[in-house]
Amino acid sequence: MSWAYVNNSFQRKEEATISPYDRGFLFGDGVYEVIPSYAGKLFLYDEHISRLSRSLNEVSIKKPKQWENFKSIIEDLLEKNKFINQIVYIQVTRGQENIRSHTPDKLTSPTLFVDSSELSMDLLLTDYKPPYINVGIEEDIRWSRCDIKAITLLGNVITLDKLSRDGLEEVIFYKDDLITEGAKSNIFFIFGEEIVTPPTSRNILSGVTRNYFINLLKQNNFNVLEREVSINEIEEADEIWFSSSGQVLRMVHKINNKVILEKDFKATIGYKAIELFRQDISV
């Protein structure tokens, strides 16, 4: 039996409901956050909640009334769902209004939904190997405020659905010939000894795991740069990674079925990055 938290109470997942008049359902009027938990301990909780707070402020959605007790609610949910490692999904919409109107009612109370599920990859296995994935390159068709972690993800869905037909698992988005990010991840490139990631902007989410890796690698004397990367530079990259809270770090094997990375994974900078991460979460 698995549990979720909806508004004011824990509910069995199969019984959890939200009104079809909720503005999240009618307009995609809401934001979300994803937080990993390893061995019952939330990872980078403060950074994730800070970003959720920013997203709410950017779209003028009130914080849920449970905000001051939010962490204890999530910890109770983790305990109820019992998995060793879990991924927590938090969604806050503007709330339920029984008259459909593009202009929201200022008195509407937000809807809170919190879910947790098993995070099946075991990052602490002795022989852990970061996933190698095959990706495509597509023009970025998403809305112009990707810095807000909004639930309106149709552009991401359309692109990934198209690529999945060719067995591709992620996309390298570009806008005006500059790389932005993936559909569900931030992106890193290795050029020689330099680790490069595009700077955050309205087109790029300030990824919590992205920022974590930037700081971790700098602390360990790696040369990390935040700069624009043109689409023409992709073929020059020695390695390409995607980072995200749910999948940590994935390395690109092929782009549009052209092999990018063939070397032994233990010889890559990406492997060194994931080893530093593994050491961090095992403390």
Protein backbone atom coordinates (compact mmCIF):
# COMPACT_ATOMS: atom_id res chain seq x y z
CA MET A 1 0.00 0.00 0.00
CA SER A 2 1.38 3.42 -1.00
CA TRP A 3 0.41 6.86 0.23
CA ALA A 4 0.20 10.43 -1.01
CA TYR A 5 -0.60 13.70 0.72
CA VAL A 6 -3.42 15.86 -0.68
CA ASN A 7 -4.21 19.25 0.85
CA ASN A 8 -4.73 18.34 4.51
CA SER A 9 -4.34 14.58 4.79
CA PHE A 10 -2.52 11.42 3.84
CA GLN A 11 -4.50 9.32 1.39
CA ARG A 12 -3.98 5.96 -0.26
CA LYS A 13 -2.72 6.62 -3.77
CA GLU A 14 -5.56 4.74 -5.41
CA GLU A 15 -8.07 6.87 -3.49
CA ALA A 16 -6.41 10.29 -3.85
CA THR A 17 -8.49 12.79 -5.86
CA ILE A 18 -8.35 16.43 -6.96
CA SER A 19 -11.29 18.29 -8.48
CA PRO A 20 -11.48 18.65 -12.28
CA TYR A 21 -12.19 22.31 -11.56
CA ASP A 22 -8.71 22.72 -10.16
CA ARG A 23 -6.81 25.35 -12.16
CA GLY A 24 -3.88 22.94 -12.48
CA PHE A 25 -6.15 20.62 -14.47
CA LEU A 26 -7.90 23.35 -16.48
CA PHE A 27 -4.95 25.65 -17.22
CA GLY A 28 -1.75 23.92 -16.09
CA ASP A 29 -1.71 26.73 -13.52
CA GLY A 30 0.81 25.40 -11.05
CA VAL A 31 4.43 24.61 -10.22
CA TYR A 32 6.26 21.55 -8.94
CA GLU A 33 9.46 20.32 -7.34
CA VAL A 34 11.27 16.98 -7.15
CA ILE A 35 13.46 15.97 -4.19
CA PRO A 36 15.45 12.73 -3.82
CA SER A 37 15.78 10.91 -0.52
CA TYR A 38 18.61 8.46 0.20
CA ALA A 39 18.28 6.05 3.13
CA GLY A 40 15.45 8.17 4.54
CA LYS A 41 17.38 11.45 4.34
CA LEU A 42 16.18 14.23 2.04
CA PHE A 43 18.99 15.43 -0.23
CA LEU A 44 19.45 19.19 -0.76
CA TYR A 45 16.04 19.83 0.80
CA ASP A 46 16.62 23.53 1.52
CA GLU A 47 17.79 24.21 -2.05
CA HIS A 48 14.75 22.49 -3.54
CA ILE A 49 12.28 24.25 -1.25
CA SER A 50 13.95 27.58 -1.98
CA ARG A 51 13.42 26.98 -5.70
CA LEU A 52 9.80 25.95 -5.11
CA SER A 53 9.28 29.19 -3.18
CA ARG A 54 10.77 31.17 -6.07
CA SER A 55 8.52 29.41 -8.61
CA LEU A 56 5.45 30.21 -6.50
CA ASN A 57 6.49 33.85 -6.20
CA GLU A 58 7.15 34.18 -9.95
CA VAL A 59 3.61 33.05 -10.81
CA SER A 60 1.94 34.71 -7.78
CA ILE A 61 0.59 31.50 -6.25
CA LYS A 62 0.21 31.56 -2.47
CA LYS A 63 2.25 29.18 -0.38
CA PRO A 64 0.14 26.33 1.02
CA LYS A 65 -0.93 26.78 4.63
CA GLN A 66 1.13 23.67 5.50
CA TRP A 67 4.33 25.48 4.48
CA GLU A 68 5.80 25.78 7.99
CA ASN A 69 5.31 22.03 8.58
CA PHE A 70 6.25 20.99 5.08
CA LYS A 71 9.40 19.05 5.89
CA SER A 72 7.76 16.97 8.62
CA ILE A 73 4.86 16.13 6.27
CA ILE A 74 7.32 14.90 3.63
CA GLU A 75 9.32 12.91 6.19
CA ASP A 76 6.09 11.28 7.44
CA LEU A 77 5.22 10.36 3.84
CA LEU A 78 8.66 8.80 3.31
CA GLU A 79 8.18 6.73 6.44
CA LYS A 80 4.71 5.61 5.36
CA ASN A 81 5.93 4.52 1.90
CA LYS A 82 8.89 2.65 3.42
CA PHE A 83 11.25 2.46 0.39
CA ILE A 84 14.94 2.87 1.23
CA ASN A 85 15.53 5.47 -1.49
CA GLN A 86 12.63 7.60 -2.71
CA ILE A 87 11.83 10.44 -5.07
CA VAL A 88 9.41 13.05 -3.74
CA TYR A 89 7.14 14.95 -6.14
CA ILE A 90 5.53 18.17 -4.87
CA GLN A 91 2.88 20.03 -6.87
CA VAL A 92 1.17 23.27 -5.90
CA THR A 93 -1.58 24.67 -8.11
CA ARG A 94 -3.44 27.93 -7.77
CA GLY A 95 -6.41 25.91 -6.54
CA GLN A 96 -10.02 25.03 -7.32
CA GLU A 97 -12.42 27.54 -8.90
CA ASN A 98 -15.84 26.34 -10.05
CA ILE A 99 -16.09 28.99 -12.76
CA ARG A 100 -13.48 28.59 -15.50
CA SER A 101 -11.77 31.92 -16.05
CA HIS A 102 -8.31 32.77 -17.35
CA THR A 103 -8.06 35.46 -14.67
CA PRO A 104 -7.68 33.82 -11.25
CA ASP A 105 -9.65 34.77 -8.17
CA LYS A 106 -7.30 36.36 -5.63
CA LEU A 107 -9.06 34.55 -2.78
CA THR A 108 -8.50 31.04 -4.16
CA SER A 109 -6.57 28.70 -1.85
CA PRO A 110 -3.77 26.62 -3.41
CA THR A 111 -3.99 22.87 -3.88
CA LEU A 112 -1.09 20.83 -2.46
CA PHE A 113 -0.19 17.35 -3.69
CA VAL A 114 2.85 15.40 -2.45
CA ASP A 115 3.80 11.96 -3.76
CA SER A 116 6.76 9.68 -3.12
CA SER A 117 7.83 6.59 -5.01
CA GLU A 118 10.77 4.21 -5.00
CA LEU A 119 14.06 5.48 -6.40
CA SER A 120 15.22 2.17 -7.77
CA MET A 121 18.80 2.94 -8.81
CA ASP A 122 21.25 2.06 -6.06
CA LEU A 123 23.97 4.68 -6.24
CA LEU A 124 25.91 3.01 -3.44
CA LEU A 125 26.52 -0.28 -5.25
CA THR A 126 30.24 -1.01 -5.41
CA ASP A 127 30.17 -1.45 -9.19
CA TYR A 128 27.73 1.39 -9.93
CA LYS A 129 28.01 2.69 -13.49
CA PRO A 130 26.33 5.93 -14.59
CA PRO A 131 23.69 5.31 -17.28
CA TYR A 132 24.74 5.80 -20.90
CA ILE A 133 21.87 7.18 -22.99
CA ASN A 134 21.09 7.93 -26.63
CA VAL A 135 19.72 11.39 -27.36
CA GLY A 136 18.53 13.64 -30.16
CA ILE A 137 18.93 17.32 -31.03
CA GLU A 138 15.80 19.44 -31.43
CA GLU A 139 14.83 23.10 -31.55
CA ASP A 140 13.53 24.26 -28.17
CA ILE A 141 9.76 24.67 -28.58
CA ARG A 142 9.00 25.24 -24.89
CA TRP A 143 7.60 28.43 -23.37
CA SER A 144 9.92 31.34 -22.64
CA ARG A 145 10.02 30.99 -18.82
CA CYS A 146 11.79 27.68 -18.31
CA ASP A 147 13.42 29.17 -15.20
CA ILE A 148 10.04 28.57 -13.50
CA LYS A 149 9.46 24.90 -12.67
CA ALA A 150 5.92 24.95 -14.04
CA ILE A 151 3.66 21.94 -14.57
CA THR A 152 2.94 23.07 -18.15
CA LEU A 153 5.36 20.65 -19.87
CA LEU A 154 3.65 19.98 -23.21
CA GLY A 155 6.68 21.09 -25.23
CA ASN A 156 8.85 18.60 -23.33
CA VAL A 157 6.27 15.83 -23.79
CA ILE A 158 5.85 16.41 -27.54
CA THR A 159 9.60 16.33 -28.10
CA LEU A 160 10.31 13.24 -25.97
CA ASP A 161 7.37 11.39 -27.50
CA LYS A 162 8.78 12.05 -30.97
CA LEU A 163 12.31 10.97 -30.04
CA SER A 164 11.19 7.89 -28.13
CA ARG A 165 9.94 6.38 -31.40
CA ASP A 166 13.60 6.17 -32.43
CA GLY A 167 14.69 4.76 -29.09
CA LEU A 168 16.11 8.07 -27.84
CA GLU A 169 15.83 8.91 -24.15
CA GLU A 170 16.58 12.64 -23.91
CA VAL A 171 17.01 15.72 -26.08
CA ILE A 172 19.59 18.44 -26.45
CA PHE A 173 17.46 21.55 -26.93
CA TYR A 174 18.76 24.59 -28.79
CA LYS A 175 17.35 28.07 -29.34
CA ASP A 176 18.91 30.55 -31.80
CA ASP A 177 21.76 28.05 -32.32
CA LEU A 178 22.64 28.03 -28.60
CA ILE A 179 22.22 24.97 -26.39
CA THR A 180 19.70 25.41 -23.60
CA GLU A 181 19.16 22.12 -21.71
CA GLY A 182 17.38 18.76 -21.92
CA ALA A 183 13.66 18.09 -21.64
CA LYS A 184 14.10 16.89 -18.05
CA SER A 185 17.74 17.66 -17.25
CA ASN A 186 20.51 20.25 -17.33
CA ILE A 187 23.48 19.61 -19.61
CA PHE A 188 27.28 19.60 -19.23
CA PHE A 189 29.99 19.37 -21.91
CA ILE A 190 33.62 18.33 -21.54
CA PHE A 191 36.10 20.10 -23.80
CA GLY A 192 39.57 18.83 -22.91
CA GLU A 193 40.01 19.66 -19.22
CA GLU A 194 37.12 22.13 -19.14
CA ILE A 195 33.66 21.25 -17.82
CA VAL A 196 31.18 23.63 -19.46
CA THR A 197 27.47 24.19 -18.78
CA PRO A 198 25.22 26.90 -20.27
CA PRO A 199 24.48 29.75 -17.84
CA THR A 200 20.99 29.90 -16.36
CA SER A 201 18.51 32.26 -17.98
CA ARG A 202 14.80 32.41 -18.68
CA ASN A 203 15.37 29.53 -21.11
CA ILE A 204 17.21 27.32 -18.61
CA LEU A 205 16.15 26.04 -15.19
CA SER A 206 18.55 26.65 -12.35
CA GLY A 207 18.89 22.94 -11.59
CA VAL A 208 19.58 22.07 -7.95
CA THR A 209 21.66 19.06 -9.00
CA ARG A 210 23.36 21.15 -11.69
CA ASN A 211 24.40 23.73 -9.09
CA TYR A 212 25.45 20.98 -6.70
CA PHE A 213 27.81 19.46 -9.30
CA ILE A 214 29.25 22.85 -10.21
CA ASN A 215 30.15 23.51 -6.57
CA LEU A 216 31.33 19.94 -5.89
CA LEU A 217 33.62 19.87 -8.92
CA LYS A 218 35.08 23.30 -8.20
CA GLN A 219 35.81 22.24 -4.61
CA ASN A 220 37.76 19.31 -6.05
CA ASN A 221 39.84 21.53 -8.36
CA PHE A 222 38.04 20.83 -11.63
CA ASN A 223 37.82 23.66 -14.14
CA VAL A 224 34.09 24.43 -14.44
CA LEU A 225 32.83 27.22 -16.69
CA GLU A 226 29.33 28.59 -17.21
CA ARG A 227 29.18 29.91 -20.76
CA GLU A 228 27.05 29.73 -23.87
CA VAL A 229 27.58 26.65 -26.04
CA SER A 230 26.69 26.77 -29.71
CA ILE A 231 25.12 23.87 -31.55
CA ASN A 232 28.25 23.72 -33.73
CA GLU A 233 30.39 22.83 -30.70
CA ILE A 234 28.57 19.60 -29.90
CA GLU A 235 30.78 17.44 -32.13
CA GLU A 236 33.89 18.85 -30.43
CA ALA A 237 32.82 17.64 -26.97
CA ASP A 238 34.79 14.78 -25.40
CA GLU A 239 31.87 13.95 -23.09
CA ILE A 240 28.29 15.16 -22.60
CA TRP A 241 26.28 14.62 -19.40
CA PHE A 242 22.77 15.34 -18.22
CA SER A 243 22.12 16.08 -14.55
CA SER A 244 18.82 15.92 -12.67
CA SER A 245 17.53 15.24 -9.18
CA GLY A 246 15.82 12.00 -10.15
CA GLN A 247 18.62 10.46 -12.22
CA VAL A 248 21.65 12.40 -10.90
CA LEU A 249 24.06 12.06 -13.85
CA ARG A 250 23.59 10.33 -17.21
CA MET A 251 26.26 10.23 -19.90
CA VAL A 252 25.54 10.54 -23.62
CA HIS A 253 26.55 7.52 -25.69
CA LYS A 254 25.01 8.49 -29.04
CA ILE A 255 23.47 11.61 -30.58
CA ASN A 256 21.03 10.75 -33.38
CA ASN A 257 22.69 7.29 -33.50
CA LYS A 258 26.19 8.76 -33.92
CA VAL A 259 28.56 7.50 -31.20
CA ILE A 260 29.92 10.28 -28.97
CA LEU A 261 31.50 8.33 -26.14
CA GLU A 262 33.27 5.01 -26.60
CA LYS A 263 35.99 5.14 -23.93
CA ASP A 264 35.90 3.05 -20.77
CA PHE A 265 33.54 4.85 -18.40
CA LYS A 266 36.11 4.81 -15.57
CA ALA A 267 38.37 7.00 -17.71
CA THR A 268 35.77 9.77 -17.99
CA ILE A 269 35.40 12.94 -15.98
CA GLY A 270 31.72 12.04 -15.65
CA TYR A 271 32.67 8.91 -13.72
CA LYS A 272 34.85 10.99 -11.40
CA ALA A 273 31.92 13.37 -10.83
CA ILE A 274 29.52 10.57 -9.92
CA GLU A 275 32.12 9.03 -7.59
CA LEU A 276 32.40 12.33 -5.73
CA PHE A 277 28.61 12.40 -5.47
CA ARG A 278 28.49 8.82 -4.17
CA GLN A 279 31.04 9.68 -1.49
CA ASP A 280 28.93 12.67 -0.47
CA ILE A 281 25.65 10.78 0.00
CA SER A 282 27.31 7.86 1.80
CA VAL A 283 28.60 10.07 4.63
